[in-house]
Amino acid sequence: MKIRVLSSLLGLSALLAGCASISSQKPEAPPTAEALDQLQQVRDKYSAGRYGEVIRGVATSDALATSTKAVRIEAYKLQAFSYCVSKYPRLCEDSFARILALDPAFELAPNEAGHPVWGPVFRHAQAQVAK
């Protein structure tokens, strides 16, 4: 009888512990208008080939750094691409590592993954994170 009660209590405590961890994960708030505006500025600068401004913009923006995971990932990706085309492969890899720290399952789109400059750098970053 005593074992049955103890095993029931153990099962109940495991169930409650599992429920507590589920409820403690609150959903991410939507990105601020400022973060979305700065991300659009980064996109525009990247499209215009102003890679140094992309790098600096992402590095110095508090709004981007504190935004949602999706916004940070896109900003870091454009920063990584900018580092790569500016011939800074180590910094490019560091930006990819930041993305992989946020989302270990992150993958580049097929057309991005096949790029001759940043494709290999991204694969190297993935291999380093997997170690």
Protein backbone atom coordinates (compact mmCIF):
# COMPACT_ATOMS: atom_id res chain seq x y z
CA MET A 1 0.00 0.00 0.00
CA LYS A 2 2.78 2.41 0.97
CA ILE A 3 4.61 1.75 -2.33
CA ARG A 4 1.42 2.39 -4.30
CA VAL A 5 0.93 5.78 -2.60
CA LEU A 6 4.58 6.74 -3.12
CA SER A 7 4.52 5.77 -6.78
CA SER A 8 1.29 7.72 -7.28
CA LEU A 9 2.83 10.79 -5.65
CA LEU A 10 5.95 10.42 -7.77
CA GLY A 11 3.86 10.20 -10.94
CA LEU A 12 1.79 13.21 -9.92
CA SER A 13 4.88 15.30 -9.16
CA ALA A 14 6.39 14.39 -12.55
CA LEU A 15 3.15 15.36 -14.26
CA LEU A 16 2.99 18.69 -12.45
CA ALA A 17 6.66 19.41 -13.19
CA GLY A 18 6.00 18.81 -16.87
CA CYS A 19 3.01 21.15 -16.83
CA ALA A 20 5.00 23.84 -15.04
CA SER A 21 7.67 23.87 -17.73
CA ILE A 22 5.06 24.17 -20.48
CA SER A 23 3.32 27.13 -18.88
CA SER A 24 6.59 28.96 -18.10
CA GLN A 25 7.32 29.37 -21.83
CA LYS A 26 5.39 32.43 -22.83
CA PRO A 27 4.96 33.35 -26.47
CA GLU A 28 7.26 35.91 -27.99
CA ALA A 29 5.87 39.43 -28.28
CA PRO A 30 5.56 40.75 -31.83
CA PRO A 31 8.43 42.89 -33.13
CA THR A 32 8.25 46.60 -32.47
CA ALA A 33 7.62 49.07 -35.27
CA GLU A 34 11.14 50.41 -34.72
CA ALA A 35 12.67 46.94 -35.16
CA LEU A 36 10.67 46.32 -38.33
CA ASP A 37 11.67 49.73 -39.69
CA GLN A 38 15.34 49.09 -38.97
CA LEU A 39 15.13 45.63 -40.53
CA GLN A 40 13.64 47.17 -43.67
CA GLN A 41 16.49 49.70 -43.74
CA VAL A 42 18.97 46.82 -43.51
CA ARG A 43 17.20 45.02 -46.38
CA ASP A 44 17.25 48.18 -48.50
CA LYS A 45 20.95 48.80 -47.83
CA TYR A 46 21.75 45.18 -48.63
CA SER A 47 19.79 45.37 -51.91
CA ALA A 48 21.67 48.56 -52.79
CA GLY A 49 25.03 46.87 -52.18
CA ARG A 50 25.88 49.04 -49.17
CA TYR A 51 27.32 46.14 -47.22
CA GLY A 52 29.34 48.19 -44.75
CA GLU A 53 26.18 50.01 -43.72
CA VAL A 54 24.38 46.67 -43.31
CA ILE A 55 27.16 45.40 -41.05
CA ARG A 56 27.20 48.57 -38.93
CA GLY A 57 23.43 48.87 -38.84
CA VAL A 58 22.92 45.37 -37.49
CA ALA A 59 25.84 45.68 -35.06
CA THR A 60 24.63 48.95 -33.53
CA SER A 61 20.84 48.53 -33.47
CA ASP A 62 19.39 47.89 -30.03
CA ALA A 63 15.95 47.50 -31.61
CA LEU A 64 17.18 44.62 -33.78
CA ALA A 65 19.24 43.03 -31.00
CA THR A 66 16.24 42.87 -28.67
CA SER A 67 13.62 41.98 -31.26
CA THR A 68 12.00 38.64 -32.00
CA LYS A 69 14.03 35.63 -32.98
CA ALA A 70 12.81 35.83 -36.59
CA VAL A 71 13.85 39.48 -36.93
CA ARG A 72 17.26 38.84 -35.37
CA ILE A 73 17.86 35.84 -37.61
CA GLU A 74 17.08 37.80 -40.77
CA ALA A 75 19.25 40.72 -39.64
CA TYR A 76 22.17 38.42 -38.73
CA LYS A 77 21.81 36.59 -42.05
CA LEU A 78 22.05 39.82 -44.05
CA GLN A 79 24.99 40.84 -41.88
CA ALA A 80 26.68 37.47 -42.54
CA PHE A 81 26.16 37.79 -46.29
CA SER A 82 27.58 41.32 -46.13
CA TYR A 83 30.66 40.15 -44.23
CA CYS A 84 31.20 37.36 -46.76
CA VAL A 85 30.99 39.56 -49.84
CA SER A 86 33.23 42.11 -48.09
CA LYS A 87 35.86 39.37 -47.71
CA TYR A 88 35.54 38.89 -43.95
CA PRO A 89 34.85 35.13 -43.81
CA ARG A 90 35.56 34.78 -40.08
CA LEU A 91 33.06 37.51 -39.20
CA CYS A 92 30.61 35.98 -41.68
CA GLU A 93 30.93 32.68 -39.85
CA ASP A 94 30.47 34.43 -36.50
CA SER A 95 27.18 35.91 -37.71
CA PHE A 96 26.03 32.48 -38.87
CA ALA A 97 27.02 31.07 -35.46
CA ARG A 98 24.77 33.69 -33.80
CA ILE A 99 21.89 32.48 -35.96
CA LEU A 100 22.58 28.85 -35.10
CA ALA A 101 22.71 29.72 -31.39
CA LEU A 102 19.17 31.08 -31.74
CA ASP A 103 17.96 28.22 -33.95
CA PRO A 104 20.22 25.15 -34.23
CA ALA A 105 17.98 23.75 -37.00
CA PHE A 106 18.29 26.89 -39.15
CA GLU A 107 19.00 26.25 -42.82
CA LEU A 108 19.68 28.64 -45.65
CA ALA A 109 17.25 28.62 -48.56
CA PRO A 110 18.50 26.35 -51.39
CA ASN A 111 19.58 29.30 -53.56
CA GLU A 112 21.45 30.80 -50.58
CA ALA A 113 23.06 27.51 -49.51
CA GLY A 114 24.50 27.04 -52.99
CA HIS A 115 26.14 30.46 -53.06
CA PRO A 116 29.89 30.07 -53.74
CA VAL A 117 30.95 32.61 -51.11
CA TRP A 118 28.72 32.15 -48.06
CA GLY A 119 27.45 28.60 -48.69
CA PRO A 120 30.73 26.97 -47.59
CA VAL A 121 31.10 29.41 -44.69
CA PHE A 122 27.61 28.53 -43.43
CA ARG A 123 28.33 24.79 -43.68
CA HIS A 124 31.54 25.31 -41.69
CA ALA A 125 29.60 27.23 -39.02
CA GLN A 126 27.08 24.38 -38.83
CA ALA A 127 29.90 21.86 -38.40
CA GLN A 128 31.45 23.94 -35.62
CA VAL A 129 28.15 24.22 -33.76
CA ALA A 130 27.57 20.47 -34.10
CA LYS A 131 30.87 19.68 -32.33
